[in-house]
Structures are given as C-alpha cells and as structure tokens.
C-alpha cells in the first residue's frame, strides 16, 4: 500500500524498496478477532436458574435452632459440636444428636454442617464426607469463614 514518492537516484520507473511494515492486514485481522470475541463471550457465560425462596426473617420471639456442626481438626480429630467422636462412631453419634434436636425428622433428612481447619489433609476431610454419604447423610453443607 505504500510507495516511495520522493527522492532517489533510480531510473524513471524505479520506485525503490519500501521496508516499512504494512499494518493494514494486521489491523483487519485484529478487528475480526475482536468481533468474534465480542460475539462469543456473552454466549459462553452460563446462567444457572435457581428457584430460591424469598428471604423472610423469623417472627419476633422465635427461638432459632443452632445447626449441628462437625469440626475436623488437624490430625483427623472429629468433633460433633464440642463432643469428641471418631470416624467409626460418627454416624451413630450424629444420628443420636440429630434425633435429640428434632425427633420428628429422620436424622438423614436434616442438614449437617462441616467445618475444618485449614491445615486438615484433604484425605481426612474426604473420609468424613464419604462416611456421612455412605450412611445416607446427603444434606451436608460446608462452612467457609472469611478472614
């Protein structure tokens, strides 16, 4: 696209060499890529539709039930709230504790929370999760505390 118009000691039809970079094809390619990305990125975002209940505060004077929390310490020590337990007796102890809090609902239908130290090995955490799920406790929630 560029030509050398001035100077030079060449012949009558000699235009000389042009060593400048022709950026027009580069700009064309970049604009095409920009348009492709602008069209593709909104299609790549996935929205998950959730049917959440509306947030309503409990009526005044209602006693809020404290959740049952399984605490996992470094080294594999397991506690149900503050009571020590082991991996072998976890589901039995948890079932008794849940039956005390809400005898009308089966223990496997109640929500259980798990909190673990940040130094807990992944294998210890998964052993607790597998024990719970292997015995029918599928309503398990994880507690994440902000720093």
N, C-alpha and C. Protein backbone atom coordinates (compact mmCIF):
# COMPACT_ATOMS: atom_id res chain seq x y z
N UNK A 1 0.81 -1.19 0.00
CA UNK A 1 0.00 0.00 0.00
C UNK A 1 0.85 1.26 0.00
N UNK A 2 2.07 1.09 0.39
CA UNK A 2 2.92 2.27 0.46
C UNK A 2 3.88 2.31 -0.72
N UNK A 3 4.18 3.49 -1.15
CA UNK A 3 5.14 3.66 -2.23
C UNK A 3 6.04 4.82 -1.88
N UNK A 4 7.23 4.76 -2.33
CA UNK A 4 8.17 5.84 -2.08
C UNK A 4 8.01 6.85 -3.20
N UNK A 5 7.65 8.05 -2.82
CA UNK A 5 7.34 9.06 -3.84
C UNK A 5 8.46 10.05 -4.07
N UNK A 6 9.26 10.27 -3.11
CA UNK A 6 10.26 11.31 -3.30
C UNK A 6 11.68 10.78 -3.37
N UNK A 7 12.55 11.59 -3.92
CA UNK A 7 13.97 11.34 -3.92
C UNK A 7 14.38 10.07 -4.63
N UNK A 8 15.59 9.75 -4.44
CA UNK A 8 16.11 8.53 -5.03
C UNK A 8 16.80 8.82 -6.35
N UNK A 9 17.79 8.11 -6.61
CA UNK A 9 18.53 8.35 -7.85
C UNK A 9 18.32 7.26 -8.86
N UNK A 10 17.21 6.60 -8.79
CA UNK A 10 16.99 5.49 -9.69
C UNK A 10 16.51 5.96 -11.05
N UNK A 11 16.15 5.01 -11.82
CA UNK A 11 15.67 5.30 -13.16
C UNK A 11 14.27 5.89 -13.13
N UNK A 12 13.74 6.03 -14.32
CA UNK A 12 12.46 6.69 -14.48
C UNK A 12 11.33 5.88 -13.85
N UNK A 13 11.34 4.56 -13.97
CA UNK A 13 10.27 3.72 -13.43
C UNK A 13 10.66 3.00 -12.13
N UNK A 14 11.77 3.33 -11.57
CA UNK A 14 12.25 2.67 -10.35
C UNK A 14 11.63 3.38 -9.14
N UNK A 15 10.80 2.64 -8.37
CA UNK A 15 10.18 3.20 -7.18
C UNK A 15 11.01 2.95 -5.93
N UNK A 16 11.98 2.12 -6.00
CA UNK A 16 12.83 1.82 -4.85
C UNK A 16 12.17 0.79 -3.94
N UNK A 17 12.86 0.42 -2.90
CA UNK A 17 12.32 -0.55 -1.97
C UNK A 17 11.65 0.15 -0.80
N UNK A 18 10.54 -0.44 -0.36
CA UNK A 18 9.83 0.07 0.80
C UNK A 18 9.95 -0.98 1.91
N UNK A 19 10.68 -0.64 2.97
CA UNK A 19 10.89 -1.60 4.04
C UNK A 19 9.97 -1.32 5.24
N UNK A 20 8.97 -0.50 5.07
CA UNK A 20 8.01 -0.24 6.15
C UNK A 20 7.05 -1.42 6.28
N UNK A 21 6.60 -1.65 7.52
CA UNK A 21 5.65 -2.74 7.77
C UNK A 21 4.27 -2.28 7.36
N UNK A 22 3.59 -3.14 6.64
CA UNK A 22 2.22 -2.86 6.22
C UNK A 22 1.29 -3.36 7.33
N UNK A 23 0.69 -2.45 8.07
CA UNK A 23 -0.13 -2.83 9.23
C UNK A 23 -1.60 -3.01 8.87
N UNK A 24 -2.00 -2.73 7.68
CA UNK A 24 -3.41 -2.85 7.31
C UNK A 24 -3.93 -4.28 7.47
N UNK A 25 -3.24 -5.33 6.99
CA UNK A 25 -3.77 -6.68 7.21
C UNK A 25 -3.79 -7.05 8.71
N UNK A 26 -2.81 -6.56 9.45
CA UNK A 26 -2.77 -6.82 10.89
C UNK A 26 -3.98 -6.21 11.58
N UNK A 27 -4.32 -4.99 11.25
CA UNK A 27 -5.49 -4.32 11.83
C UNK A 27 -6.76 -5.03 11.42
N UNK A 28 -6.84 -5.48 10.19
CA UNK A 28 -8.03 -6.21 9.72
C UNK A 28 -8.22 -7.50 10.53
N UNK A 29 -7.16 -8.23 10.73
CA UNK A 29 -7.25 -9.48 11.50
C UNK A 29 -7.64 -9.19 12.93
N UNK A 30 -7.07 -8.16 13.53
CA UNK A 30 -7.40 -7.82 14.91
C UNK A 30 -8.87 -7.41 15.05
N UNK A 31 -9.38 -6.66 14.11
CA UNK A 31 -10.79 -6.27 14.17
C UNK A 31 -11.71 -7.47 14.03
N UNK A 32 -11.36 -8.40 13.15
CA UNK A 32 -12.16 -9.61 13.00
C UNK A 32 -12.14 -10.43 14.29
N UNK A 33 -10.97 -10.59 14.89
CA UNK A 33 -10.88 -11.31 16.16
C UNK A 33 -11.66 -10.61 17.27
N UNK A 34 -11.60 -9.30 17.31
CA UNK A 34 -12.35 -8.54 18.30
C UNK A 34 -13.85 -8.78 18.15
N UNK A 35 -14.33 -8.77 16.93
CA UNK A 35 -15.76 -9.00 16.70
C UNK A 35 -16.13 -10.43 17.08
N UNK A 36 -15.28 -11.40 16.75
CA UNK A 36 -15.56 -12.79 17.11
C UNK A 36 -15.64 -12.95 18.62
N UNK A 37 -14.70 -12.36 19.36
CA UNK A 37 -14.72 -12.47 20.82
C UNK A 37 -15.90 -11.72 21.42
N UNK A 38 -16.26 -10.59 20.84
CA UNK A 38 -17.41 -9.85 21.37
C UNK A 38 -18.70 -10.63 21.20
N UNK A 39 -18.80 -11.41 20.14
CA UNK A 39 -19.99 -12.21 19.91
C UNK A 39 -19.96 -13.50 20.73
N UNK A 40 -18.78 -14.09 20.88
CA UNK A 40 -18.68 -15.41 21.53
C UNK A 40 -18.73 -15.33 23.05
N UNK A 41 -18.21 -14.29 23.67
CA UNK A 41 -18.11 -14.25 25.13
C UNK A 41 -19.48 -14.19 25.81
N UNK A 42 -20.44 -13.39 25.36
CA UNK A 42 -21.75 -13.45 26.03
C UNK A 42 -22.42 -14.82 25.89
N UNK A 43 -22.16 -15.54 24.82
CA UNK A 43 -22.75 -16.87 24.66
C UNK A 43 -22.07 -17.88 25.57
N UNK A 44 -20.82 -17.61 25.98
CA UNK A 44 -20.08 -18.55 26.81
C UNK A 44 -20.47 -18.45 28.28
N UNK A 45 -21.03 -17.34 28.71
CA UNK A 45 -21.44 -17.23 30.10
C UNK A 45 -22.68 -18.06 30.32
N UNK A 46 -22.63 -18.89 31.33
CA UNK A 46 -23.73 -19.80 31.62
C UNK A 46 -24.45 -19.30 32.86
N UNK A 47 -25.74 -19.21 32.75
CA UNK A 47 -26.51 -18.81 33.93
C UNK A 47 -27.28 -20.03 34.41
N UNK A 48 -27.24 -20.23 35.70
CA UNK A 48 -27.94 -21.34 36.31
C UNK A 48 -29.20 -20.78 36.95
N UNK A 49 -30.32 -21.32 36.58
CA UNK A 49 -31.59 -20.84 37.12
C UNK A 49 -31.86 -21.56 38.43
N UNK A 50 -32.04 -20.79 39.48
CA UNK A 50 -32.35 -21.32 40.79
C UNK A 50 -33.69 -20.79 41.25
N UNK A 51 -34.45 -21.63 41.86
CA UNK A 51 -35.73 -21.22 42.41
C UNK A 51 -35.56 -21.08 43.91
N UNK A 52 -35.06 -19.92 44.33
CA UNK A 52 -34.79 -19.68 45.74
C UNK A 52 -36.02 -19.12 46.44
N UNK A 53 -36.24 -19.53 47.67
CA UNK A 53 -37.35 -18.95 48.41
C UNK A 53 -37.04 -17.51 48.80
N UNK A 54 -38.06 -16.71 48.98
CA UNK A 54 -37.79 -15.32 49.38
C UNK A 54 -37.24 -15.29 50.80
N UNK A 55 -36.37 -14.34 51.05
CA UNK A 55 -35.77 -14.20 52.37
C UNK A 55 -36.78 -13.53 53.30
N UNK A 56 -37.13 -14.24 54.36
CA UNK A 56 -38.07 -13.70 55.33
C UNK A 56 -37.48 -13.90 56.71
N UNK A 57 -37.42 -12.85 57.50
CA UNK A 57 -36.90 -13.02 58.85
C UNK A 57 -37.89 -13.81 59.70
N UNK A 58 -37.40 -14.54 60.71
CA UNK A 58 -38.32 -15.28 61.57
C UNK A 58 -39.16 -14.32 62.39
N UNK A 59 -40.34 -14.75 62.80
CA UNK A 59 -41.18 -13.88 63.62
C UNK A 59 -40.48 -13.53 64.93
N UNK A 60 -40.78 -12.37 65.49
CA UNK A 60 -40.13 -11.98 66.74
C UNK A 60 -40.46 -12.98 67.85
N UNK A 61 -39.47 -13.27 68.66
CA UNK A 61 -39.65 -14.19 69.77
C UNK A 61 -39.43 -15.64 69.42
N UNK A 62 -39.14 -15.95 68.15
CA UNK A 62 -38.91 -17.32 67.74
C UNK A 62 -37.48 -17.72 68.10
N UNK A 63 -37.35 -18.88 68.70
CA UNK A 63 -36.02 -19.37 69.05
C UNK A 63 -35.41 -20.03 67.81
N UNK A 64 -34.25 -19.56 67.43
CA UNK A 64 -33.59 -20.07 66.24
C UNK A 64 -32.77 -21.30 66.63
N UNK A 65 -32.98 -22.39 65.91
CA UNK A 65 -32.28 -23.64 66.19
C UNK A 65 -30.84 -23.54 65.71
N UNK A 66 -29.92 -23.86 66.59
CA UNK A 66 -28.50 -23.85 66.24
C UNK A 66 -28.18 -25.07 65.37
N UNK A 67 -27.40 -24.90 64.33
CA UNK A 67 -27.08 -26.04 63.46
C UNK A 67 -26.10 -27.00 64.13
N UNK A 68 -26.13 -28.24 63.67
CA UNK A 68 -25.18 -29.25 64.13
C UNK A 68 -23.93 -29.13 63.25
N UNK A 69 -22.77 -28.95 63.89
CA UNK A 69 -21.53 -28.73 63.16
C UNK A 69 -20.56 -29.85 63.47
N UNK A 70 -20.01 -30.44 62.42
CA UNK A 70 -18.94 -31.43 62.58
C UNK A 70 -17.63 -30.68 62.36
N UNK A 71 -16.78 -30.68 63.38
CA UNK A 71 -15.49 -30.00 63.31
C UNK A 71 -14.40 -31.03 63.08
N UNK A 72 -13.52 -30.73 62.13
CA UNK A 72 -12.40 -31.62 61.83
C UNK A 72 -11.13 -30.84 62.13
N UNK A 73 -10.31 -31.39 63.02
CA UNK A 73 -9.05 -30.74 63.38
C UNK A 73 -7.90 -31.39 62.64
N UNK A 74 -6.76 -30.71 62.66
CA UNK A 74 -5.57 -31.25 62.04
C UNK A 74 -5.19 -32.55 62.75
N UNK A 75 -4.87 -33.56 62.00
CA UNK A 75 -4.55 -34.86 62.57
C UNK A 75 -5.72 -35.82 62.52
N UNK A 76 -6.89 -35.36 62.08
CA UNK A 76 -8.04 -36.23 61.92
C UNK A 76 -8.98 -36.30 63.09
N UNK A 77 -8.79 -35.48 64.13
CA UNK A 77 -9.73 -35.47 65.26
C UNK A 77 -11.06 -34.90 64.80
N UNK A 78 -12.17 -35.61 65.14
CA UNK A 78 -13.50 -35.22 64.69
C UNK A 78 -14.36 -34.93 65.92
N UNK A 79 -15.11 -33.83 65.85
CA UNK A 79 -16.00 -33.42 66.93
C UNK A 79 -17.37 -33.12 66.36
N UNK A 80 -18.41 -33.48 67.11
CA UNK A 80 -19.77 -33.05 66.79
C UNK A 80 -20.06 -31.94 67.78
N UNK A 81 -20.12 -30.73 67.27
CA UNK A 81 -20.10 -29.51 68.08
C UNK A 81 -18.87 -29.55 68.98
N UNK A 82 -19.00 -29.83 70.27
CA UNK A 82 -17.82 -29.89 71.14
C UNK A 82 -17.56 -31.30 71.66
N UNK A 83 -18.42 -32.26 71.30
CA UNK A 83 -18.26 -33.64 71.78
C UNK A 83 -17.35 -34.40 70.82
N UNK A 84 -16.30 -35.01 71.37
CA UNK A 84 -15.36 -35.77 70.56
C UNK A 84 -16.00 -37.06 70.08
N UNK A 85 -15.66 -37.45 68.88
CA UNK A 85 -16.12 -38.70 68.29
C UNK A 85 -15.02 -39.22 67.38
N UNK A 86 -15.21 -40.40 66.85
CA UNK A 86 -14.25 -40.96 65.90
C UNK A 86 -14.95 -41.21 64.58
N UNK A 87 -14.17 -41.56 63.60
CA UNK A 87 -14.75 -41.81 62.28
C UNK A 87 -15.65 -43.04 62.30
N UNK A 88 -15.32 -44.02 63.15
CA UNK A 88 -16.11 -45.25 63.21
C UNK A 88 -17.47 -45.01 63.88
N UNK A 89 -17.53 -44.11 64.84
CA UNK A 89 -18.78 -43.86 65.58
C UNK A 89 -19.47 -42.57 65.17
N UNK A 90 -18.98 -41.94 64.11
CA UNK A 90 -19.50 -40.63 63.71
C UNK A 90 -20.98 -40.67 63.38
N UNK A 91 -21.40 -41.61 62.55
CA UNK A 91 -22.80 -41.61 62.11
C UNK A 91 -23.75 -41.97 63.25
N UNK A 92 -23.35 -42.86 64.14
CA UNK A 92 -24.21 -43.20 65.27
C UNK A 92 -24.36 -42.03 66.23
N UNK A 93 -23.23 -41.38 66.55
CA UNK A 93 -23.29 -40.21 67.43
C UNK A 93 -24.08 -39.07 66.79
N UNK A 94 -23.88 -38.88 65.50
CA UNK A 94 -24.59 -37.82 64.80
C UNK A 94 -26.09 -38.10 64.75
N UNK A 95 -26.47 -39.35 64.50
CA UNK A 95 -27.89 -39.70 64.48
C UNK A 95 -28.55 -39.45 65.83
N UNK A 96 -27.87 -39.83 66.92
CA UNK A 96 -28.42 -39.58 68.26
C UNK A 96 -28.57 -38.09 68.53
N UNK A 97 -27.57 -37.32 68.12
CA UNK A 97 -27.62 -35.87 68.35
C UNK A 97 -28.74 -35.22 67.55
N UNK A 98 -28.90 -35.62 66.30
CA UNK A 98 -29.95 -35.05 65.46
C UNK A 98 -31.33 -35.48 65.94
N UNK A 99 -31.46 -36.70 66.46
CA UNK A 99 -32.75 -37.17 66.98
C UNK A 99 -33.12 -36.41 68.25
N UNK A 100 -32.15 -35.97 69.02
CA UNK A 100 -32.43 -35.17 70.22
C UNK A 100 -32.97 -33.80 69.83
N UNK A 101 -32.37 -33.19 68.81
CA UNK A 101 -32.77 -31.84 68.42
C UNK A 101 -34.12 -31.80 67.72
N UNK A 102 -34.37 -32.75 66.83
CA UNK A 102 -35.63 -32.77 66.07
C UNK A 102 -36.08 -34.21 65.89
N UNK A 103 -36.85 -34.74 66.86
CA UNK A 103 -37.24 -36.14 66.77
C UNK A 103 -38.24 -36.42 65.64
N UNK A 104 -38.92 -35.40 65.13
CA UNK A 104 -39.93 -35.62 64.09
C UNK A 104 -39.32 -35.88 62.73
N UNK A 105 -38.13 -35.35 62.47
CA UNK A 105 -37.48 -35.50 61.17
C UNK A 105 -36.41 -36.59 61.26
N UNK A 106 -36.36 -37.49 60.29
CA UNK A 106 -35.30 -38.51 60.31
C UNK A 106 -33.92 -37.86 60.27
N UNK A 107 -32.95 -38.42 60.96
CA UNK A 107 -31.62 -37.80 61.00
C UNK A 107 -30.98 -37.62 59.63
N UNK A 108 -31.23 -38.54 58.71
CA UNK A 108 -30.61 -38.41 57.38
C UNK A 108 -31.23 -37.31 56.54
N UNK A 109 -32.37 -36.77 56.96
CA UNK A 109 -33.03 -35.69 56.22
C UNK A 109 -32.68 -34.32 56.77
N UNK A 110 -31.91 -34.26 57.84
CA UNK A 110 -31.55 -32.98 58.45
C UNK A 110 -30.20 -32.52 57.92
N UNK A 111 -30.03 -31.22 57.92
CA UNK A 111 -28.79 -30.62 57.41
C UNK A 111 -27.70 -30.67 58.48
N UNK A 112 -26.49 -31.03 58.01
CA UNK A 112 -25.32 -31.09 58.86
C UNK A 112 -24.25 -30.18 58.26
N UNK A 113 -23.56 -29.44 59.10
CA UNK A 113 -22.52 -28.53 58.64
C UNK A 113 -21.15 -29.10 58.98
N UNK A 114 -20.19 -28.89 58.10
CA UNK A 114 -18.82 -29.34 58.34
C UNK A 114 -17.89 -28.13 58.31
N UNK A 115 -17.05 -28.07 59.34
CA UNK A 115 -16.02 -27.02 59.39
C UNK A 115 -14.69 -27.72 59.64
N UNK A 116 -13.66 -27.35 58.91
CA UNK A 116 -12.36 -27.98 59.05
C UNK A 116 -11.27 -26.92 59.15
N UNK A 117 -10.23 -27.25 59.91
CA UNK A 117 -9.06 -26.37 59.96
C UNK A 117 -8.45 -26.27 58.57
N UNK A 118 -7.73 -25.18 58.33
CA UNK A 118 -7.12 -25.03 57.02
C UNK A 118 -5.93 -25.97 56.83
N UNK A 119 -5.44 -26.56 57.91
CA UNK A 119 -4.31 -27.48 57.80
C UNK A 119 -4.74 -28.94 57.72
N UNK A 120 -6.05 -29.21 57.68
CA UNK A 120 -6.54 -30.57 57.61
C UNK A 120 -6.22 -31.15 56.24
N UNK A 121 -5.73 -32.37 56.24
CA UNK A 121 -5.42 -33.04 54.97
C UNK A 121 -6.71 -33.33 54.23
N UNK A 122 -6.64 -33.27 52.92
CA UNK A 122 -7.81 -33.49 52.09
C UNK A 122 -8.36 -34.90 52.30
N UNK A 123 -7.49 -35.87 52.50
CA UNK A 123 -7.92 -37.25 52.71
C UNK A 123 -8.74 -37.40 53.98
N UNK A 124 -8.36 -36.67 55.06
CA UNK A 124 -9.14 -36.72 56.30
C UNK A 124 -10.52 -36.12 56.11
N UNK A 125 -10.57 -35.01 55.39
CA UNK A 125 -11.85 -34.36 55.12
C UNK A 125 -12.75 -35.27 54.29
N UNK A 126 -12.18 -35.87 53.25
CA UNK A 126 -12.97 -36.75 52.38
C UNK A 126 -13.39 -38.03 53.09
N UNK A 127 -12.62 -38.48 54.07
CA UNK A 127 -13.02 -39.66 54.84
C UNK A 127 -14.29 -39.36 55.62
N UNK A 128 -14.39 -38.16 56.20
CA UNK A 128 -15.61 -37.76 56.92
C UNK A 128 -16.77 -37.64 55.94
N UNK A 129 -16.55 -37.00 54.80
CA UNK A 129 -17.61 -36.84 53.80
C UNK A 129 -18.10 -38.21 53.29
N UNK A 130 -17.18 -39.11 53.00
CA UNK A 130 -17.56 -40.43 52.49
C UNK A 130 -18.31 -41.23 53.55
N UNK A 131 -17.91 -41.10 54.81
CA UNK A 131 -18.61 -41.80 55.89
C UNK A 131 -20.04 -41.29 56.00
N UNK A 132 -20.21 -39.97 55.92
CA UNK A 132 -21.55 -39.39 56.01
C UNK A 132 -22.42 -39.83 54.82
N UNK A 133 -21.89 -39.69 53.63
CA UNK A 133 -22.68 -40.02 52.45
C UNK A 133 -22.91 -41.52 52.33
N UNK A 134 -21.98 -42.33 52.81
CA UNK A 134 -22.16 -43.77 52.77
C UNK A 134 -23.26 -44.25 53.71
N UNK A 135 -23.60 -43.43 54.70
CA UNK A 135 -24.65 -43.78 55.66
C UNK A 135 -25.93 -42.98 55.44
N UNK A 136 -26.06 -42.32 54.30
CA UNK A 136 -27.31 -41.66 53.94
C UNK A 136 -27.42 -40.19 54.30
N UNK A 137 -26.37 -39.57 54.82
CA UNK A 137 -26.40 -38.14 55.14
C UNK A 137 -25.96 -37.37 53.90
N UNK A 138 -26.96 -36.92 53.11
CA UNK A 138 -26.65 -36.21 51.87
C UNK A 138 -26.83 -34.71 52.00
N UNK A 139 -27.44 -34.24 53.06
CA UNK A 139 -27.65 -32.81 53.24
C UNK A 139 -26.48 -32.25 54.07
N UNK A 140 -25.35 -32.15 53.43
CA UNK A 140 -24.13 -31.70 54.08
C UNK A 140 -23.76 -30.34 53.50
N UNK A 141 -23.48 -29.39 54.39
CA UNK A 141 -23.07 -28.05 53.96
C UNK A 141 -21.69 -27.76 54.52
N UNK A 142 -20.91 -26.99 53.79
CA UNK A 142 -19.56 -26.63 54.22
C UNK A 142 -19.57 -25.20 54.76
N UNK A 143 -18.82 -24.99 55.81
CA UNK A 143 -18.73 -23.66 56.42
C UNK A 143 -17.43 -23.03 55.97
N UNK A 144 -17.52 -21.84 55.41
CA UNK A 144 -16.37 -21.07 54.98
C UNK A 144 -16.36 -19.79 55.77
N UNK A 145 -15.30 -19.54 56.49
CA UNK A 145 -15.20 -18.34 57.28
C UNK A 145 -14.28 -17.35 56.59
N UNK A 146 -14.72 -16.12 56.51
CA UNK A 146 -13.89 -15.09 55.88
C UNK A 146 -12.79 -14.67 56.83
N UNK A 147 -11.66 -14.29 56.26
CA UNK A 147 -10.54 -13.84 57.08
C UNK A 147 -10.68 -12.39 57.43
